[in-house]
Protein backbone atom coordinates (compact mmCIF):
# COMPACT_ATOMS: atom_id res chain seq x y z
CA UNK A 1 136.88 123.78 82.90
CA UNK A 2 134.30 126.12 81.69
CA UNK A 3 134.65 129.63 80.55
CA UNK A 4 133.68 131.54 83.65
CA UNK A 5 136.40 129.40 85.42
CA UNK A 6 138.97 130.31 83.02
CA UNK A 7 137.94 133.83 83.30
CA UNK A 8 138.09 133.85 87.13
CA UNK A 9 141.48 132.31 87.02
CA UNK A 10 143.04 134.59 84.52
CA UNK A 11 141.66 137.61 86.14
CA UNK A 12 142.72 136.35 89.46
CA UNK A 13 146.41 135.55 87.93
CA UNK A 14 146.52 139.16 86.45
CA UNK A 15 145.67 140.73 89.38
CA UNK A 16 148.14 138.72 91.48
CA UNK A 17 150.85 139.66 89.02
CA UNK A 18 149.93 143.06 89.18
CA UNK A 19 150.16 143.35 92.82
CA UNK A 20 153.63 141.76 93.20
CA UNK A 21 154.99 143.88 90.46
CA UNK A 22 153.66 147.06 92.24
CA UNK A 23 155.29 145.74 95.37
CA UNK A 24 158.81 144.96 94.05
CA UNK A 25 158.61 148.37 92.05
CA UNK A 26 157.54 150.34 95.34
CA UNK A 27 160.69 148.46 97.10
CA UNK A 28 162.96 149.32 94.42
CA UNK A 29 162.20 153.12 94.52
CA UNK A 30 162.66 153.64 98.27
CA UNK A 31 165.06 156.71 99.14
CA UNK A 32 168.25 155.95 100.74
CA UNK A 33 168.57 156.30 104.48
CA UNK A 34 170.64 159.63 105.14
CA UNK A 35 173.26 158.68 107.77
CA UNK A 36 172.69 162.29 109.38
CA UNK A 37 169.08 161.78 110.10
CA UNK A 38 168.05 161.31 113.97
CA UNK A 39 166.97 157.63 113.38
CA UNK A 40 170.16 156.69 111.61
CA UNK A 41 172.27 158.41 114.13
CA UNK A 42 170.57 156.82 117.09
CA UNK A 43 171.20 153.35 115.75
CA UNK A 44 174.84 154.09 114.74
CA UNK A 45 173.91 153.47 110.87
CA UNK A 46 176.98 153.83 108.50
CA UNK A 47 176.54 153.16 104.88
CA UNK A 48 180.12 151.36 104.90
CA UNK A 49 180.42 148.94 107.66
CA UNK A 50 184.08 149.78 107.91
CA UNK A 51 183.14 153.18 109.17
CA UNK A 52 180.96 151.93 112.12
CA UNK A 53 182.11 153.62 115.47
CA UNK A 54 184.15 150.82 116.90
CA UNK A 55 184.35 152.78 120.52
CA UNK A 56 180.69 153.22 120.73
CA UNK A 57 179.59 150.05 119.17
CA UNK A 58 182.44 147.22 120.48
CA UNK A 59 180.30 144.48 119.40
CA UNK A 60 180.68 145.40 115.70
CA UNK A 61 183.09 143.29 113.54
CA UNK A 62 184.18 143.71 110.02
CA UNK A 63 182.08 140.81 108.93
CA UNK A 64 178.92 142.43 110.06
CA UNK A 65 177.04 144.28 107.36
CA UNK A 66 173.18 144.81 106.19
CA UNK A 67 173.45 142.14 103.53
CA UNK A 68 174.22 139.29 106.25
CA UNK A 69 171.55 141.03 108.76
CA UNK A 70 168.37 139.00 109.50
CA UNK A 71 166.52 142.42 109.29
CA UNK A 72 167.67 142.94 105.69
CA UNK A 73 164.83 142.54 103.39
CA UNK A 74 166.82 142.93 100.04
CA UNK A 75 167.86 140.42 97.92
CA UNK A 76 171.16 138.52 98.05
CA UNK A 77 173.37 140.61 95.75
CA UNK A 78 171.55 143.89 95.92
CA UNK A 79 173.50 146.82 96.47
CA UNK A 80 170.47 148.04 98.73
CA UNK A 81 167.31 147.24 100.28
CA UNK A 82 164.55 147.90 102.70
CA UNK A 83 165.03 147.18 106.49
CA UNK A 84 162.18 147.50 109.00
CA UNK A 85 164.16 149.38 111.42
CA UNK A 86 164.19 152.28 108.82
CA UNK A 87 160.95 152.27 107.49
CA UNK A 88 160.56 153.67 104.17
CA UNK A 89 163.99 154.18 103.29
CA UNK A 90 166.66 151.72 101.74
CA UNK A 91 170.08 150.66 103.51
CA UNK A 92 173.17 149.94 101.63
CA UNK A 93 173.83 146.15 101.87
CA UNK A 94 177.38 147.01 103.04
CA UNK A 95 176.05 149.14 105.74
CA UNK A 96 175.64 148.47 109.32
CA UNK A 97 173.68 149.52 112.34
CA UNK A 98 173.60 148.71 116.14
CA UNK A 99 170.62 146.47 115.38
CA UNK A 100 172.44 144.05 113.18
CA UNK A 101 171.51 140.35 113.87
CA UNK A 102 172.97 137.60 112.07
CA UNK A 103 171.04 135.94 109.36
CA UNK A 104 170.12 132.45 110.16
CA UNK A 105 171.71 130.04 107.65
């Protein structure tokens, strides 16, 4: 491997590492979704799945929460994470909304 190839490899590696780190940091700093926001209210979002409106959302069950939803983009065990339904906001892993879909095993 010549010097030019090493420089290109190292430069590319550093750039990729920086981009991955920046993305992770951006996701970690998302503001939490406010339950009172119009979008959250329209989707029935609650930070605590136990507080979901059972009359309005009869399909809801106690074992459904953002952490086991197909749409949740946080890591397993995280207290909160991003969700494409609420772009630019984080949702509680123990929360719930009407868009909940069981995560594939």
